[in-house]
Amino acid sequence: MANLLMIESWLQSTGLMLPPLLRDGGHHYVLVTRDPDLYRLPDGEPHPVLALADEVVVAETNDAAALVAAARAVAARRGSTAC
């Protein structure tokens, strides 16, 4: 089992297929996004990337320092190491 950090995601294709594959493989992930509302399907339901995440962290993903800080905070909370 792996604990992964997902920084944003595609909304189609692999973005739809990867979350169930991770879950079915026993893996967990934290989604880091600048806007969780981007991850809504046309009917308003949560996109699988959002629905299957163990945690959603809002951070400015276009700012390297903010992204690294968010990743370190996740690692500290989850007892992992971060770069």
N, C-alpha and C. Protein backbone atom coordinates (compact mmCIF):
# COMPACT_ATOMS: atom_id res chain seq x y z
N MET A 1 0.83 -1.17 0.00
CA MET A 1 0.00 0.00 0.00
C MET A 1 0.88 1.24 0.00
N ALA A 2 0.55 2.19 -0.86
CA ALA A 2 1.30 3.44 -0.95
C ALA A 2 0.41 4.59 -0.50
N ASN A 3 1.04 5.59 0.07
CA ASN A 3 0.38 6.85 0.38
C ASN A 3 0.94 7.88 -0.58
N LEU A 4 0.08 8.45 -1.40
CA LEU A 4 0.51 9.31 -2.48
C LEU A 4 0.01 10.74 -2.31
N LEU A 5 0.73 11.66 -2.90
CA LEU A 5 0.33 13.05 -2.96
C LEU A 5 0.02 13.35 -4.42
N MET A 6 -1.24 13.68 -4.71
CA MET A 6 -1.65 14.00 -6.07
C MET A 6 -1.80 15.51 -6.17
N ILE A 7 -1.06 16.11 -7.06
CA ILE A 7 -1.10 17.56 -7.25
C ILE A 7 -1.90 17.82 -8.52
N GLU A 8 -3.12 18.32 -8.32
CA GLU A 8 -4.07 18.53 -9.41
C GLU A 8 -4.25 17.22 -10.16
N SER A 9 -5.11 17.19 -11.15
CA SER A 9 -5.34 15.97 -11.91
C SER A 9 -6.03 16.31 -13.22
N TRP A 10 -5.89 15.43 -14.16
CA TRP A 10 -6.68 15.54 -15.38
C TRP A 10 -8.12 15.25 -15.00
N LEU A 11 -9.04 15.84 -15.74
CA LEU A 11 -10.45 15.62 -15.45
C LEU A 11 -11.05 14.49 -16.28
N GLN A 12 -10.45 14.18 -17.40
CA GLN A 12 -10.94 13.13 -18.27
C GLN A 12 -9.91 12.00 -18.31
N SER A 13 -10.18 10.99 -19.08
CA SER A 13 -9.25 9.90 -19.34
C SER A 13 -8.65 9.34 -18.06
N THR A 14 -7.35 9.52 -17.87
CA THR A 14 -6.70 8.95 -16.67
C THR A 14 -7.21 9.56 -15.38
N GLY A 15 -7.71 10.80 -15.43
CA GLY A 15 -8.28 11.41 -14.24
C GLY A 15 -9.50 10.68 -13.74
N LEU A 16 -10.22 10.05 -14.64
CA LEU A 16 -11.38 9.24 -14.26
C LEU A 16 -10.99 7.82 -13.88
N MET A 17 -9.96 7.29 -14.51
CA MET A 17 -9.58 5.89 -14.30
C MET A 17 -8.65 5.68 -13.11
N LEU A 18 -7.75 6.61 -12.86
CA LEU A 18 -6.72 6.40 -11.85
C LEU A 18 -7.26 6.28 -10.42
N PRO A 19 -8.16 7.14 -9.96
CA PRO A 19 -8.60 7.03 -8.56
C PRO A 19 -9.17 5.67 -8.18
N PRO A 20 -10.07 5.07 -8.98
CA PRO A 20 -10.55 3.73 -8.62
C PRO A 20 -9.44 2.68 -8.64
N LEU A 21 -8.51 2.82 -9.58
CA LEU A 21 -7.40 1.86 -9.62
C LEU A 21 -6.54 1.96 -8.37
N LEU A 22 -6.27 3.18 -7.92
CA LEU A 22 -5.50 3.35 -6.69
C LEU A 22 -6.23 2.73 -5.51
N ARG A 23 -7.51 3.04 -5.38
CA ARG A 23 -8.31 2.50 -4.28
C ARG A 23 -8.33 0.97 -4.32
N ASP A 24 -8.60 0.42 -5.49
CA ASP A 24 -8.68 -1.04 -5.62
C ASP A 24 -7.35 -1.71 -5.34
N GLY A 25 -6.26 -0.98 -5.55
CA GLY A 25 -4.93 -1.51 -5.25
C GLY A 25 -4.53 -1.32 -3.79
N GLY A 26 -5.41 -0.74 -2.99
CA GLY A 26 -5.12 -0.54 -1.58
C GLY A 26 -4.32 0.71 -1.26
N HIS A 27 -4.21 1.60 -2.24
CA HIS A 27 -3.43 2.83 -2.06
C HIS A 27 -4.32 3.98 -1.60
N HIS A 28 -3.70 4.97 -1.01
CA HIS A 28 -4.39 6.17 -0.53
C HIS A 28 -3.69 7.39 -1.11
N TYR A 29 -4.47 8.46 -1.31
CA TYR A 29 -3.84 9.68 -1.79
C TYR A 29 -4.51 10.91 -1.20
N VAL A 30 -3.71 11.96 -1.15
CA VAL A 30 -4.16 13.29 -0.77
C VAL A 30 -4.13 14.13 -2.04
N LEU A 31 -5.23 14.79 -2.34
CA LEU A 31 -5.30 15.68 -3.49
C LEU A 31 -4.96 17.10 -3.04
N VAL A 32 -3.99 17.70 -3.70
CA VAL A 32 -3.67 19.11 -3.47
C VAL A 32 -4.16 19.86 -4.70
N THR A 33 -5.01 20.84 -4.48
CA THR A 33 -5.59 21.61 -5.57
C THR A 33 -5.78 23.06 -5.14
N ARG A 34 -5.75 23.95 -6.10
CA ARG A 34 -6.02 25.34 -5.76
C ARG A 34 -7.51 25.61 -5.73
N ASP A 35 -8.33 24.71 -6.35
CA ASP A 35 -9.77 24.93 -6.41
C ASP A 35 -10.51 23.59 -6.47
N PRO A 36 -10.99 23.09 -5.33
CA PRO A 36 -11.71 21.81 -5.34
C PRO A 36 -12.96 21.83 -6.21
N ASP A 37 -13.55 23.00 -6.45
CA ASP A 37 -14.76 23.07 -7.28
C ASP A 37 -14.49 22.71 -8.73
N LEU A 38 -13.23 22.70 -9.15
CA LEU A 38 -12.90 22.25 -10.51
C LEU A 38 -13.23 20.77 -10.68
N TYR A 39 -13.27 20.05 -9.59
CA TYR A 39 -13.45 18.60 -9.62
C TYR A 39 -14.90 18.23 -9.35
N ARG A 40 -15.78 18.75 -10.18
CA ARG A 40 -17.21 18.44 -10.14
C ARG A 40 -17.60 17.94 -11.53
N LEU A 41 -18.41 16.91 -11.56
CA LEU A 41 -18.93 16.40 -12.82
C LEU A 41 -20.06 17.32 -13.29
N PRO A 42 -20.46 17.22 -14.55
CA PRO A 42 -21.53 18.09 -15.06
C PRO A 42 -22.82 18.05 -14.23
N ASP A 43 -23.10 16.91 -13.61
CA ASP A 43 -24.32 16.81 -12.80
C ASP A 43 -24.14 17.34 -11.38
N GLY A 44 -22.93 17.87 -11.09
CA GLY A 44 -22.66 18.44 -9.76
C GLY A 44 -22.05 17.47 -8.78
N GLU A 45 -22.05 16.19 -9.10
CA GLU A 45 -21.44 15.20 -8.22
C GLU A 45 -19.92 15.38 -8.23
N PRO A 46 -19.25 14.96 -7.14
CA PRO A 46 -17.79 15.07 -7.12
C PRO A 46 -17.13 14.15 -8.15
N HIS A 47 -16.12 14.66 -8.80
CA HIS A 47 -15.29 13.88 -9.72
C HIS A 47 -14.61 12.78 -8.90
N PRO A 48 -14.32 11.61 -9.48
CA PRO A 48 -13.65 10.55 -8.73
C PRO A 48 -12.35 10.99 -8.04
N VAL A 49 -11.62 11.91 -8.65
CA VAL A 49 -10.38 12.39 -8.03
C VAL A 49 -10.68 13.02 -6.66
N LEU A 50 -11.77 13.74 -6.60
CA LEU A 50 -12.18 14.40 -5.36
C LEU A 50 -12.87 13.40 -4.42
N ALA A 51 -13.77 12.62 -4.97
CA ALA A 51 -14.56 11.70 -4.15
C ALA A 51 -13.74 10.62 -3.47
N LEU A 52 -12.68 10.16 -4.10
CA LEU A 52 -11.91 9.05 -3.56
C LEU A 52 -10.64 9.47 -2.82
N ALA A 53 -10.39 10.77 -2.75
CA ALA A 53 -9.21 11.26 -2.01
C ALA A 53 -9.43 11.06 -0.51
N ASP A 54 -8.38 10.68 0.18
CA ASP A 54 -8.45 10.58 1.65
C ASP A 54 -8.57 11.96 2.28
N GLU A 55 -7.99 12.93 1.61
CA GLU A 55 -7.96 14.30 2.11
C GLU A 55 -7.80 15.23 0.91
N VAL A 56 -8.38 16.41 1.00
CA VAL A 56 -8.21 17.43 -0.03
C VAL A 56 -7.58 18.64 0.64
N VAL A 57 -6.46 19.07 0.10
CA VAL A 57 -5.73 20.23 0.63
C VAL A 57 -5.80 21.34 -0.41
N VAL A 58 -6.23 22.51 0.03
CA VAL A 58 -6.29 23.66 -0.87
C VAL A 58 -5.00 24.45 -0.69
N ALA A 59 -4.27 24.59 -1.81
CA ALA A 59 -3.02 25.36 -1.82
C ALA A 59 -2.84 25.90 -3.24
N GLU A 60 -2.10 26.98 -3.35
CA GLU A 60 -1.83 27.55 -4.67
C GLU A 60 -0.80 26.65 -5.38
N THR A 61 -1.29 25.84 -6.29
CA THR A 61 -0.43 24.86 -6.95
C THR A 61 0.45 25.47 -8.03
N ASN A 62 0.27 26.74 -8.33
CA ASN A 62 1.15 27.42 -9.28
C ASN A 62 2.27 28.18 -8.57
N ASP A 63 2.38 28.01 -7.27
CA ASP A 63 3.40 28.67 -6.46
C ASP A 63 4.23 27.57 -5.80
N ALA A 64 5.46 27.41 -6.25
CA ALA A 64 6.31 26.31 -5.77
C ALA A 64 6.46 26.32 -4.25
N ALA A 65 6.69 27.49 -3.66
CA ALA A 65 6.88 27.56 -2.21
C ALA A 65 5.61 27.14 -1.47
N ALA A 66 4.45 27.58 -1.94
CA ALA A 66 3.19 27.21 -1.30
C ALA A 66 2.93 25.72 -1.45
N LEU A 67 3.27 25.17 -2.60
CA LEU A 67 3.07 23.75 -2.85
C LEU A 67 3.98 22.90 -1.97
N VAL A 68 5.24 23.28 -1.85
CA VAL A 68 6.17 22.55 -0.99
C VAL A 68 5.70 22.63 0.47
N ALA A 69 5.25 23.80 0.90
CA ALA A 69 4.75 23.95 2.27
C ALA A 69 3.55 23.04 2.51
N ALA A 70 2.64 22.97 1.55
CA ALA A 70 1.47 22.10 1.69
C ALA A 70 1.89 20.63 1.75
N ALA A 71 2.83 20.24 0.91
CA ALA A 71 3.31 18.86 0.90
C ALA A 71 3.97 18.50 2.23
N ARG A 72 4.76 19.40 2.76
CA ARG A 72 5.41 19.16 4.06
C ARG A 72 4.38 19.05 5.18
N ALA A 73 3.35 19.87 5.14
CA ALA A 73 2.31 19.82 6.16
C ALA A 73 1.56 18.48 6.09
N VAL A 74 1.27 18.02 4.90
CA VAL A 74 0.62 16.72 4.74
C VAL A 74 1.52 15.61 5.28
N ALA A 75 2.79 15.64 4.91
CA ALA A 75 3.73 14.63 5.39
C ALA A 75 3.83 14.63 6.91
N ALA A 76 3.85 15.80 7.52
CA ALA A 76 3.95 15.89 8.98
C ALA A 76 2.70 15.30 9.64
N ARG A 77 1.52 15.60 9.09
CA ARG A 77 0.28 15.07 9.67
C ARG A 77 0.17 13.57 9.49
N ARG A 78 0.69 13.07 8.41
CA ARG A 78 0.52 11.65 8.08
C ARG A 78 1.72 10.79 8.47
N GLY A 79 2.71 11.41 9.09
CA GLY A 79 3.87 10.66 9.55
C GLY A 79 4.77 10.17 8.44
N SER A 80 4.85 10.93 7.35
CA SER A 80 5.71 10.60 6.22
C SER A 80 6.85 11.59 6.15
N THR A 81 7.72 11.38 5.20
CA THR A 81 8.79 12.34 4.96
C THR A 81 8.50 13.08 3.67
N ALA A 82 8.93 14.30 3.59
CA ALA A 82 8.75 15.10 2.39
C ALA A 82 10.07 15.77 2.04
N CYS A 83 10.25 16.07 0.78
CA CYS A 83 11.46 16.76 0.33
C CYS A 83 11.45 18.19 0.80
